[in-house]
Amino acid sequence: MRQFLSILLISFGFFFQTTNKDLEKDLNKDLLIIEYNAPFNLKNAYKGFDLLSGVSKNRVCIETSPNQRKDMAIKNVPTLILFLNNKEVSRWTAGLDMQIHTSTQDIQSVINKY
């Protein structure tokens, strides 16, 4: 059991390997979507995130990047934020059940507008 927990914790670390330097580099791209989440809520990560196209993608762990949580006013996880030239243009947040209920097609249609 102890070995399983260690492997699980290491897996969480690989899922959220975003540093502030990486994030600054990504924010310099024209169109970027970021999923803010936490290890305790990985089962509710946005399922369609990897299917989104025409946009750079990044994931941020609010536990290892508390300044990002504060700066971006993240109150619920997961939260998706779409940036255009470093400015937030759209946001999707989880409900009380800690899931985002917006379809991938709806998010993709917002991305396609830019």
Protein backbone atom coordinates (compact mmCIF):
# COMPACT_ATOMS: atom_id res chain seq x y z
CA MET A 1 0.00 0.00 0.00
CA ARG A 2 2.81 2.37 0.91
CA GLN A 3 4.49 1.74 -2.45
CA PHE A 4 1.23 2.41 -4.28
CA LEU A 5 0.83 5.76 -2.48
CA SER A 6 4.39 6.72 -3.38
CA ILE A 7 3.79 5.94 -7.05
CA LEU A 8 0.52 7.87 -6.95
CA LEU A 9 2.19 10.95 -5.45
CA ILE A 10 4.98 10.80 -8.04
CA SER A 11 2.34 10.59 -10.78
CA PHE A 12 0.69 13.75 -9.48
CA GLY A 13 4.05 15.50 -9.69
CA PHE A 14 4.43 14.58 -13.36
CA PHE A 15 0.90 15.77 -14.12
CA PHE A 16 1.63 19.23 -12.77
CA GLN A 17 5.18 19.91 -13.93
CA THR A 18 4.66 23.56 -14.73
CA THR A 19 7.03 26.16 -13.38
CA ASN A 20 6.50 29.90 -13.34
CA LYS A 21 9.19 30.16 -16.04
CA ASP A 22 7.26 27.71 -18.25
CA LEU A 23 4.05 29.60 -17.62
CA GLU A 24 5.62 32.96 -18.54
CA LYS A 25 6.92 31.41 -21.76
CA ASP A 26 3.47 30.02 -22.57
CA LEU A 27 1.73 33.32 -21.82
CA ASN A 28 3.77 34.92 -24.59
CA LYS A 29 1.94 32.76 -27.11
CA ASP A 30 -1.05 34.25 -28.91
CA LEU A 31 -3.77 31.87 -27.69
CA LEU A 32 -3.37 29.79 -24.54
CA ILE A 33 -5.73 27.80 -22.35
CA ILE A 34 -4.71 26.84 -18.83
CA GLU A 35 -6.39 24.31 -16.57
CA TYR A 36 -5.98 25.14 -12.89
CA ASN A 37 -6.54 22.11 -10.68
CA ALA A 38 -5.29 20.37 -7.54
CA PRO A 39 -4.04 16.82 -6.88
CA PHE A 40 -7.04 15.98 -4.71
CA ASN A 41 -9.33 16.70 -7.67
CA LEU A 42 -7.52 14.99 -10.56
CA LYS A 43 -10.47 12.68 -11.17
CA ASN A 44 -12.44 15.78 -12.16
CA ALA A 45 -9.83 17.22 -14.53
CA TYR A 46 -11.54 18.54 -17.65
CA LYS A 47 -11.94 15.46 -19.87
CA GLY A 48 -11.85 17.34 -23.18
CA PHE A 49 -8.74 19.38 -22.43
CA ASP A 50 -6.41 17.35 -24.66
CA LEU A 51 -8.96 17.39 -27.49
CA LEU A 52 -8.94 21.20 -27.80
CA SER A 53 -7.11 22.40 -30.92
CA GLY A 54 -5.75 25.65 -32.28
CA VAL A 55 -4.55 26.71 -28.84
CA SER A 56 -1.49 26.16 -26.65
CA LYS A 57 -2.34 24.22 -23.50
CA ASN A 58 -0.91 24.15 -20.02
CA ARG A 59 -1.89 22.79 -16.62
CA VAL A 60 -1.14 24.47 -13.29
CA CYS A 61 -1.35 22.91 -9.84
CA ILE A 62 -2.71 25.47 -7.40
CA GLU A 63 -1.03 23.68 -4.50
CA THR A 64 2.47 24.05 -5.93
CA SER A 65 1.73 27.48 -7.46
CA PRO A 66 -0.23 29.35 -4.76
CA ASN A 67 0.66 32.72 -6.26
CA GLN A 68 -1.04 31.70 -9.51
CA ARG A 69 -4.14 30.75 -7.54
CA LYS A 70 -4.20 34.15 -5.89
CA ASP A 71 -3.27 36.18 -8.98
CA MET A 72 -5.88 34.48 -11.15
CA ALA A 73 -8.55 34.47 -8.40
CA ILE A 74 -9.06 30.70 -8.64
CA LYS A 75 -11.87 29.78 -6.28
CA ASN A 76 -13.00 26.45 -7.75
CA VAL A 77 -11.06 23.62 -9.34
CA PRO A 78 -10.83 22.81 -12.07
CA THR A 79 -10.93 26.20 -13.76
CA LEU A 80 -10.10 26.76 -17.42
CA ILE A 81 -8.92 30.19 -18.52
CA LEU A 82 -8.42 31.20 -22.14
CA PHE A 83 -5.81 33.91 -22.77
CA LEU A 84 -5.28 35.95 -25.92
CA ASN A 85 -2.00 37.90 -25.94
CA ASN A 86 -1.65 37.60 -22.14
CA LYS A 87 -5.20 38.81 -21.45
CA GLU A 88 -7.99 36.64 -20.13
CA VAL A 89 -10.79 36.39 -22.66
CA SER A 90 -12.88 33.55 -21.25
CA ARG A 91 -13.20 31.41 -18.12
CA TRP A 92 -14.98 28.18 -17.26
CA THR A 93 -15.23 27.09 -13.62
CA ALA A 94 -16.38 23.99 -11.84
CA GLY A 95 -19.66 23.82 -10.01
CA LEU A 96 -20.25 22.51 -6.52
CA ASP A 97 -19.59 18.99 -7.78
CA MET A 98 -16.05 20.11 -8.76
CA GLN A 99 -16.61 19.46 -12.48
CA ILE A 100 -16.82 21.75 -15.49
CA HIS A 101 -20.06 21.02 -17.32
CA THR A 102 -19.33 22.98 -20.51
CA SER A 103 -18.96 20.77 -23.56
CA THR A 104 -15.67 20.52 -25.41
CA GLN A 105 -17.45 21.75 -28.55
CA ASP A 106 -18.61 24.91 -26.75
CA ILE A 107 -15.09 25.68 -25.52
CA GLN A 108 -13.66 24.89 -28.95
CA SER A 109 -16.12 27.30 -30.57
CA VAL A 110 -14.88 30.10 -28.28
CA ILE A 111 -11.28 29.22 -29.17
CA ASN A 112 -12.17 29.26 -32.89
CA LYS A 113 -13.45 32.86 -32.59
CA TYR A 114 -9.88 33.99 -31.97
